[in-house]
């Protein structure tokens, strides 16, 4: 049995044993994990420091280093997130429906775990904890494969979580880390159908496409966010500046940050100079010809720029004639993640919300709220940009499926 097959087999065995554990046992394990993270903050930061030093040597961008970095507050937030998950209702065992047939058969539809969940993600150590905790609460075993950039951080975090599982009397293989980050190993992981029930990629375009194109395991597509904000003609210009600024600069390296700004021609001369003044050179603006006629830009916005997930302080701007043009642009260039309209016009709101094809559609609010914690779901496994079986922030409920339980009294089919 190969290295990756051993991990898969151990995870499948652990997942089977987890079907019998109680809600109290799961919550106790989560509390143990939170306590272990808090008690070992210095150890975690020391491991993360190695990753950051390697990142600097490898010329990783400042935005990506921000995603990789852990400090005392971020570790405390991770621990708090685990406790919030523990406090949420158990998603397993919910009765979703039922009926009694004329022949007396009683049918109950009940929520159950997905099984073994494989998560492939990039240099974000917080995903290691969020994903493992969500899987544990929802009764799933997790096989985590983080990027090589975060390998030291991920090893430390996983070691602490596995130790917490043992303390709580749960098979430690309910949380596993693929420490070998080679391409060969990830390719083997994507073919591990006999052990892994679903695969969730979380990262940039190339990672997600690699998994979609090469996995033989069912995939839930998450993460890639080419998000836009459209400033309609009737928008409050000050509100629009605040929302665009927050959507781009509050944390530019995440998937719910905006990458494109669409501006109605009738408000462009008021909004664009105000936005540029707010940024004062902090954000690189790529614009179309109409934008360049109003403000000084840092370059022309080409078609490929409108498709890019910059994950940095760069934005592509386009002046449009009407709401229909903005909607067509978003449906052409967007990744079905999060889109926003800023407007006072009810007709524009209805048209935008009805016709924009995205998991989350905002009116007069920042796209930065697309987050499991912000939605009250606890942490999230990722933002699903597809339509089966989950869409938007994937919290606990999205980490379950269902089965039918049939009770009879000797009925046979004629």
Protein backbone atom coordinates (compact mmCIF):
# COMPACT_ATOMS: atom_id res chain seq x y z
CA UNK A 1 0.00 0.00 0.00
CA UNK A 2 1.37 3.40 -1.00
CA UNK A 3 1.83 6.38 1.33
CA UNK A 4 -1.32 8.10 0.06
CA UNK A 5 -3.35 4.89 0.09
CA UNK A 6 -2.41 4.34 3.73
CA UNK A 7 -3.66 7.81 4.62
CA UNK A 8 -6.90 7.14 2.75
CA UNK A 9 -7.47 3.75 4.33
CA UNK A 10 -6.84 5.09 7.82
CA UNK A 11 -9.21 8.00 7.20
CA UNK A 12 -11.94 5.65 5.94
CA UNK A 13 -11.59 3.47 9.03
CA UNK A 14 -11.76 6.55 11.27
CA UNK A 15 -14.81 7.84 9.42
CA UNK A 16 -16.57 4.53 9.97
CA UNK A 17 -15.90 4.66 13.71
CA UNK A 18 -17.15 8.28 13.87
CA UNK A 19 -20.66 7.24 12.85
CA UNK A 20 -21.19 6.07 16.41
CA UNK A 21 -19.89 9.10 18.30
CA UNK A 22 -22.24 11.50 20.04
CA UNK A 23 -22.69 15.23 19.64
CA UNK A 24 -21.12 15.67 23.08
CA UNK A 25 -18.01 13.73 22.03
CA UNK A 26 -17.59 15.86 18.91
CA UNK A 27 -18.00 19.07 20.86
CA UNK A 28 -15.54 17.92 23.53
CA UNK A 29 -13.00 17.17 20.80
CA UNK A 30 -13.49 20.62 19.29
CA UNK A 31 -12.98 22.23 22.69
CA UNK A 32 -9.78 20.19 23.10
CA UNK A 33 -8.58 21.47 19.72
CA UNK A 34 -9.30 25.09 20.66
CA UNK A 35 -7.46 24.66 23.95
CA UNK A 36 -4.46 23.05 22.21
CA UNK A 37 -4.22 25.94 19.73
CA UNK A 38 -4.31 28.52 22.51
CA UNK A 39 -1.81 26.68 24.72
CA UNK A 40 0.64 26.23 21.85
CA UNK A 41 0.50 29.68 20.27
CA UNK A 42 4.27 30.19 20.47
CA UNK A 43 4.94 26.77 18.95
CA UNK A 44 2.57 27.50 16.06
CA UNK A 45 4.14 30.91 15.38
CA UNK A 46 7.62 29.36 15.42
CA UNK A 47 6.57 26.84 12.76
CA UNK A 48 4.88 29.59 10.76
CA UNK A 49 8.03 31.73 10.97
CA UNK A 50 9.92 29.03 9.04
CA UNK A 51 7.30 29.16 6.30
CA UNK A 52 7.43 32.95 6.15
CA UNK A 53 11.23 32.94 5.95
CA UNK A 54 11.05 30.48 3.04
CA UNK A 55 8.34 32.58 1.40
CA UNK A 56 10.53 35.66 1.52
CA UNK A 57 13.46 33.72 0.03
CA UNK A 58 11.16 32.53 -2.75
CA UNK A 59 9.97 36.10 -3.47
CA UNK A 60 6.35 35.41 -2.55
CA UNK A 61 4.18 38.49 -3.00
CA UNK A 62 3.28 40.57 0.03
CA UNK A 63 -0.40 39.69 -0.43
CA UNK A 64 0.33 35.96 -0.42
CA UNK A 65 2.62 36.32 2.60
CA UNK A 66 -0.31 37.97 4.35
CA UNK A 67 -2.43 34.91 3.64
CA UNK A 68 0.33 32.65 4.93
CA UNK A 69 1.16 34.58 8.10
CA UNK A 70 -0.03 33.68 11.60
CA UNK A 71 0.19 35.87 14.67
CA UNK A 72 -1.23 35.70 18.15
CA UNK A 73 -4.54 37.30 17.12
CA UNK A 74 -5.03 35.03 14.10
CA UNK A 75 -4.35 31.94 16.20
CA UNK A 76 -6.74 33.22 18.86
CA UNK A 77 -9.33 33.81 16.13
CA UNK A 78 -8.83 30.25 14.87
CA UNK A 79 -9.41 28.87 18.38
CA UNK A 80 -12.50 31.06 18.81
CA UNK A 81 -13.76 29.83 15.44
CA UNK A 82 -13.45 26.22 16.59
CA UNK A 83 -15.42 27.01 19.76
CA UNK A 84 -18.13 28.70 17.68
CA UNK A 85 -18.40 25.55 15.58
CA UNK A 86 -18.73 23.48 18.76
CA UNK A 87 -21.60 25.72 19.88
CA UNK A 88 -23.57 25.30 16.65
CA UNK A 89 -26.40 22.75 16.33
CA UNK A 90 -25.29 19.32 15.16
CA UNK A 91 -26.07 19.02 11.44
CA UNK A 92 -26.14 15.20 11.58
CA UNK A 93 -29.31 13.26 12.36
CA UNK A 94 -31.76 16.00 11.38
CA UNK A 95 -35.08 14.69 10.06
CA UNK A 96 -35.47 16.38 6.68
CA UNK A 97 -38.80 14.83 5.77
CA UNK A 98 -40.87 11.71 5.86
CA UNK A 99 -44.17 10.05 5.06
CA UNK A 100 -46.13 6.87 5.49
CA UNK A 101 -47.11 5.09 2.30
CA UNK A 102 -50.54 3.50 1.75
CA UNK A 103 -48.90 0.09 2.19
CA UNK A 104 -47.74 1.03 5.68
CA UNK A 105 -44.05 1.63 4.89
CA UNK A 106 -42.69 4.52 6.95
CA UNK A 107 -40.06 6.65 5.21
CA UNK A 108 -37.75 9.07 7.01
CA UNK A 109 -35.20 11.29 5.25
CA UNK A 110 -32.29 12.03 7.62
CA UNK A 111 -29.05 14.02 7.32
CA UNK A 112 -25.77 12.08 7.43
CA UNK A 113 -22.07 12.97 6.93
CA UNK A 114 -20.54 13.05 3.45
CA UNK A 115 -17.88 10.55 4.59
CA UNK A 116 -14.19 11.18 3.96
CA UNK A 117 -13.60 14.70 2.65
CA UNK A 118 -10.36 15.57 0.88
CA UNK A 119 -9.39 19.26 0.89
CA UNK A 120 -6.62 20.56 -1.39
CA UNK A 121 -5.66 24.15 -0.61
CA UNK A 122 -2.86 26.68 -0.88
CA UNK A 123 -0.85 28.74 1.60
CA UNK A 124 -3.52 29.53 4.19
CA UNK A 125 -2.89 27.67 7.48
CA UNK A 126 -6.21 28.82 8.94
CA UNK A 127 -7.93 26.61 6.35
CA UNK A 128 -6.24 23.62 7.98
CA UNK A 129 -8.09 24.27 11.23
CA UNK A 130 -11.37 25.52 9.75
CA UNK A 131 -11.69 22.55 7.41
CA UNK A 132 -10.78 19.94 10.02
CA UNK A 133 -13.15 21.43 12.61
CA UNK A 134 -16.08 21.65 10.20
CA UNK A 135 -15.53 18.09 9.05
CA UNK A 136 -15.31 16.85 12.64
CA UNK A 137 -18.51 18.61 13.75
CA UNK A 138 -20.37 17.24 10.72
CA UNK A 139 -19.12 13.70 11.38
CA UNK A 140 -16.70 13.58 8.44
CA UNK A 141 -13.08 12.48 8.38
CA UNK A 142 -10.77 14.97 6.65
CA UNK A 143 -7.70 14.42 4.51
CA UNK A 144 -5.90 17.76 4.25
CA UNK A 145 -3.39 18.59 1.57
CA UNK A 146 -2.01 22.11 1.97
CA UNK A 147 0.56 23.81 -0.20
CA UNK A 148 4.30 23.43 0.27
CA UNK A 149 4.55 27.09 1.29
CA UNK A 150 2.70 26.34 4.55
CA UNK A 151 4.00 22.85 5.26
CA UNK A 152 5.62 23.63 8.62
CA UNK A 153 2.56 25.47 9.89
CA UNK A 154 0.22 22.72 8.70
CA UNK A 155 2.29 19.96 10.30
CA UNK A 156 2.23 21.76 13.64
CA UNK A 157 -1.50 22.49 13.52
CA UNK A 158 -2.41 18.96 12.46
CA UNK A 159 -0.21 17.41 15.14
CA UNK A 160 -2.01 19.48 17.79
CA UNK A 161 -5.46 18.61 16.44
CA UNK A 162 -4.71 14.89 16.23
CA UNK A 163 -3.47 14.98 19.80
CA UNK A 164 -6.71 16.65 20.85
CA UNK A 165 -8.72 13.91 19.14
CA UNK A 166 -6.86 11.25 21.12
CA UNK A 167 -7.57 13.14 24.34
CA UNK A 168 -11.27 13.13 23.43
CA UNK A 169 -11.29 9.40 22.65
CA UNK A 170 -11.71 9.78 18.88
CA UNK A 171 -9.53 8.09 16.25
CA UNK A 172 -6.78 10.59 15.43
CA UNK A 173 -6.99 9.61 11.76
CA UNK A 174 -10.27 11.50 11.56
CA UNK A 175 -7.88 14.39 10.75
CA UNK A 176 -4.97 13.59 8.42
CA UNK A 177 -2.40 15.73 6.67
CA UNK A 178 -0.68 14.79 3.43
CA UNK A 179 2.81 15.97 4.36
CA UNK A 180 4.28 15.02 0.99
CA UNK A 181 3.39 18.07 -1.13
CA UNK A 182 4.77 16.74 -4.41
CA UNK A 183 2.68 16.88 -7.57
CA UNK A 184 2.85 13.09 -7.87
CA UNK A 185 1.22 12.64 -4.47
CA UNK A 186 -1.58 15.12 -5.15
CA UNK A 187 -2.30 13.35 -8.45
CA UNK A 188 -2.60 10.07 -6.53
CA UNK A 189 -4.89 11.74 -4.01
CA UNK A 190 -7.25 12.83 -6.78
CA UNK A 191 -7.70 9.19 -7.82
CA UNK A 192 -8.39 7.78 -4.34
CA UNK A 193 -12.04 6.94 -5.02
CA UNK A 194 -12.07 3.85 -2.82
CA UNK A 195 -11.37 5.95 0.27
CA UNK A 196 -12.37 9.57 -0.38
CA UNK A 197 -16.01 10.49 -1.01
CA UNK A 198 -15.67 14.11 -2.11
CA UNK A 199 -12.78 16.44 -2.98
CA UNK A 200 -12.82 20.19 -2.32
CA UNK A 201 -10.13 22.39 -3.92
CA UNK A 202 -9.62 25.78 -2.32
CA UNK A 203 -7.20 28.19 -3.95
CA UNK A 204 -6.38 29.96 -7.18
CA UNK A 205 -7.47 29.28 -10.74
CA UNK A 206 -4.70 26.83 -11.66
CA UNK A 207 -5.18 24.69 -8.55
CA UNK A 208 -8.94 24.50 -8.99
CA UNK A 209 -8.74 23.72 -12.70
CA UNK A 210 -6.14 21.03 -12.06
CA UNK A 211 -8.44 19.27 -9.61
CA UNK A 212 -11.54 19.65 -11.80
CA UNK A 213 -9.73 18.30 -14.87
CA UNK A 214 -7.88 15.42 -13.22
CA UNK A 215 -9.91 14.17 -10.26
CA UNK A 216 -11.90 10.95 -10.53
CA UNK A 217 -13.50 11.79 -7.17
CA UNK A 218 -16.60 14.04 -7.16
CA UNK A 219 -15.44 17.67 -6.78
CA UNK A 220 -17.06 20.69 -5.15
CA UNK A 221 -15.54 23.75 -6.82
CA UNK A 222 -14.69 26.56 -4.41
CA UNK A 223 -12.51 29.56 -3.90
CA UNK A 224 -11.80 31.41 -7.14
CA UNK A 225 -13.37 34.84 -6.85
CA UNK A 226 -13.31 37.32 -9.70
CA UNK A 227 -15.82 39.63 -7.99
CA UNK A 228 -17.18 42.93 -9.32
CA UNK A 229 -18.98 45.95 -7.91
CA UNK A 230 -21.28 47.95 -10.18
CA UNK A 231 -21.89 51.61 -9.32
CA UNK A 232 -25.28 52.46 -10.84
CA UNK A 233 -26.30 55.94 -12.01
CA UNK A 234 -28.43 56.55 -8.91
CA UNK A 235 -25.81 55.37 -6.41
CA UNK A 236 -24.81 57.40 -3.39
CA UNK A 237 -21.25 58.29 -4.43
CA UNK A 238 -19.88 58.35 -0.88
CA UNK A 239 -21.40 54.96 -0.14
CA UNK A 240 -19.98 53.63 -3.40
CA UNK A 241 -16.47 54.82 -2.50
CA UNK A 242 -16.72 53.22 0.95
CA UNK A 243 -17.92 49.88 -0.42
CA UNK A 244 -15.41 49.77 -3.27
CA UNK A 245 -12.58 50.69 -0.90
CA UNK A 246 -13.59 48.05 1.64
CA UNK A 247 -14.08 45.42 -1.05
CA UNK A 248 -10.60 46.01 -2.46
CA UNK A 249 -8.34 47.06 0.43
CA UNK A 250 -9.73 45.55 3.65
CA UNK A 251 -7.98 42.30 2.69
CA UNK A 252 -7.06 42.19 -1.00
CA UNK A 253 -5.62 38.66 -0.95
CA UNK A 254 -8.91 36.81 -0.37
CA UNK A 255 -11.48 35.40 -2.78
CA UNK A 256 -14.30 37.78 -1.82
CA UNK A 257 -12.25 40.93 -2.52
CA UNK A 258 -13.37 42.85 -5.60
CA UNK A 259 -11.25 42.74 -8.76
CA UNK A 260 -13.42 44.77 -11.14
CA UNK A 261 -15.32 48.04 -10.76
CA UNK A 262 -18.06 48.88 -13.25
CA UNK A 263 -19.28 52.48 -13.27
CA UNK A 264 -22.38 53.88 -14.96
CA UNK A 265 -21.40 56.67 -17.36
CA UNK A 266 -23.70 59.17 -15.62
CA UNK A 267 -21.90 58.94 -12.27
CA UNK A 268 -18.38 58.15 -13.49
CA UNK A 269 -17.11 61.76 -13.36
CA UNK A 270 -18.25 62.07 -9.74
CA UNK A 271 -17.33 58.62 -8.44
CA UNK A 272 -13.97 57.85 -10.07
CA UNK A 273 -12.07 60.98 -8.89
CA UNK A 274 -13.46 60.45 -5.37
CA UNK A 275 -12.30 56.83 -5.36
CA UNK A 276 -8.85 57.76 -6.67
CA UNK A 277 -8.57 60.42 -3.97
CA UNK A 278 -9.49 57.84 -1.31
CA UNK A 279 -6.80 55.45 -2.47
CA UNK A 280 -4.07 58.05 -3.03
CA UNK A 281 -1.98 55.61 -5.04
CA UNK A 282 -2.45 52.65 -2.67
CA UNK A 283 -4.32 50.73 -5.37
CA UNK A 284 -3.13 50.31 -8.94
CA UNK A 285 -5.99 51.22 -11.30
CA UNK A 286 -6.21 49.65 -14.76
CA UNK A 287 -8.92 51.33 -16.81
CA UNK A 288 -10.65 51.32 -20.18
CA UNK A 289 -10.50 54.35 -22.48
CA UNK A 290 -13.51 56.04 -20.89
CA UNK A 291 -11.98 55.67 -17.43
CA UNK A 292 -8.67 57.14 -18.66
CA UNK A 293 -10.56 60.21 -19.92
CA UNK A 294 -11.75 60.93 -16.36
CA UNK A 295 -8.81 59.94 -14.11
CA UNK A 296 -5.16 59.08 -14.57
CA UNK A 297 -4.79 55.31 -14.62
CA UNK A 298 -1.83 52.99 -14.08
CA UNK A 299 -2.39 51.23 -17.39
CA UNK A 300 -4.97 50.07 -19.88
CA UNK A 301 -7.40 47.36 -18.78
CA UNK A 302 -7.19 44.59 -21.37
CA UNK A 303 -9.74 41.80 -21.68
CA UNK A 304 -7.54 39.35 -19.76
CA UNK A 305 -7.36 41.85 -16.87
CA UNK A 306 -11.12 41.68 -16.43
CA UNK A 307 -10.81 37.91 -16.02
CA UNK A 308 -7.95 38.04 -13.50
CA UNK A 309 -8.17 37.35 -9.80
CA UNK A 310 -5.47 39.85 -8.80
CA UNK A 311 -5.45 38.99 -5.06
CA UNK A 312 -3.52 42.23 -4.67
CA UNK A 313 -4.03 46.02 -4.57
CA UNK A 314 -4.90 46.14 -8.27
CA UNK A 315 -8.32 46.73 -9.79
CA UNK A 316 -9.70 46.83 -13.32
CA UNK A 317 -12.26 49.57 -14.07
CA UNK A 318 -14.78 49.90 -16.89
CA UNK A 319 -17.34 52.61 -17.60
CA UNK A 320 -20.66 51.14 -18.84
CA UNK A 321 -23.77 52.62 -20.44
CA UNK A 322 -26.43 50.87 -18.35
CA UNK A 323 -27.27 48.08 -15.89
CA UNK A 324 -27.75 45.56 -18.71
CA UNK A 325 -24.16 46.07 -19.86
CA UNK A 326 -22.91 45.62 -16.29
CA UNK A 327 -24.87 42.39 -15.90
CA UNK A 328 -23.59 41.02 -19.21
CA UNK A 329 -20.02 41.90 -18.20
CA UNK A 330 -20.34 40.10 -14.85
CA UNK A 331 -21.90 37.00 -16.38
CA UNK A 332 -19.11 36.93 -18.98
CA UNK A 333 -16.05 37.58 -16.82
CA UNK A 334 -17.13 36.61 -13.30
CA UNK A 335 -16.54 33.31 -11.53
CA UNK A 336 -20.05 33.07 -10.01
CA UNK A 337 -18.74 33.99 -6.55
CA UNK A 338 -19.94 37.38 -5.20
CA UNK A 339 -21.23 40.41 -7.12
CA UNK A 340 -22.52 43.80 -5.94
CA UNK A 341 -24.67 46.65 -7.19
CA UNK A 342 -24.72 50.08 -5.51
CA UNK A 343 -27.92 51.89 -6.37
CA UNK A 344 -31.06 53.65 -5.13
CA UNK A 345 -33.14 52.39 -8.04
CA UNK A 346 -35.46 49.48 -7.20
CA UNK A 347 -35.82 48.43 -10.85
CA UNK A 348 -32.03 48.11 -11.14
CA UNK A 349 -31.93 46.09 -7.92
CA UNK A 350 -34.55 43.63 -9.14
CA UNK A 351 -32.92 43.27 -12.56
CA UNK A 352 -29.44 42.78 -11.06
CA UNK A 353 -30.47 40.25 -8.43
CA UNK A 354 -32.56 38.28 -10.90
CA UNK A 355 -30.13 38.13 -13.80
CA UNK A 356 -26.64 38.01 -12.23
CA UNK A 357 -25.47 34.39 -12.05
CA UNK A 358 -23.49 34.19 -8.80
CA UNK A 359 -23.61 32.38 -5.47
CA UNK A 360 -24.04 35.67 -3.57
CA UNK A 361 -25.52 38.89 -4.97
CA UNK A 362 -25.24 42.09 -2.90
CA UNK A 363 -27.14 45.35 -2.93
CA UNK A 364 -25.35 48.30 -1.29
CA UNK A 365 -22.96 46.15 0.79
CA UNK A 366 -19.37 44.97 0.52
CA UNK A 367 -18.60 41.59 -1.03
CA UNK A 368 -16.24 41.00 1.91
CA UNK A 369 -19.21 39.61 3.85
CA UNK A 370 -19.20 36.41 1.80
CA UNK A 371 -17.86 34.33 4.61
CA UNK A 372 -19.24 31.46 6.68
CA UNK A 373 -18.55 33.25 9.94
CA UNK A 374 -20.14 36.49 8.74
CA UNK A 375 -23.22 34.56 7.57
CA UNK A 376 -23.60 33.00 11.02
CA UNK A 377 -22.62 29.55 9.77
CA UNK A 378 -19.49 29.25 11.91
CA UNK A 379 -16.33 28.74 9.89
CA UNK A 380 -16.56 27.59 6.28
CA UNK A 381 -14.92 24.90 4.21
CA UNK A 382 -14.89 27.35 1.29
CA UNK A 383 -17.17 29.34 -1.01
CA UNK A 384 -18.79 27.05 -3.55
CA UNK A 385 -19.09 28.68 -6.98
CA UNK A 386 -20.97 25.77 -8.53
CA UNK A 387 -24.59 24.66 -8.22
CA UNK A 388 -24.35 21.03 -7.04
CA UNK A 389 -24.66 20.17 -4.24
CA UNK A 390 -23.82 23.40 -2.39
CA UNK A 391 -23.55 27.05 -3.34
CA UNK A 392 -21.98 29.98 -1.48
CA UNK A 393 -20.35 29.65 1.95
CA UNK A 394 -20.16 25.97 2.83
CA UNK A 395 -20.96 25.61 6.51
CA UNK A 396 -22.00 22.58 8.50
CA UNK A 397 -25.23 21.80 6.66
CA UNK A 398 -23.38 21.74 3.34
CA UNK A 399 -21.01 19.13 4.78
CA UNK A 400 -23.84 16.61 5.02
CA UNK A 401 -25.91 14.59 2.62
CA UNK A 402 -28.91 12.41 3.48
CA UNK A 403 -30.22 8.90 3.41
CA UNK A 404 -33.68 7.35 3.52
CA UNK A 405 -34.63 5.12 6.44
CA UNK A 406 -37.49 2.73 5.68
CA UNK A 407 -39.38 0.86 8.41
CA UNK A 408 -41.79 -1.85 7.46
CA UNK A 409 -43.79 -4.76 8.90
CA UNK A 410 -43.17 -7.47 6.31
CA UNK A 411 -44.31 -5.59 3.19
CA UNK A 412 -43.29 -7.07 -0.17
CA UNK A 413 -43.71 -5.59 -3.63
CA UNK A 414 -46.20 -7.26 -5.92
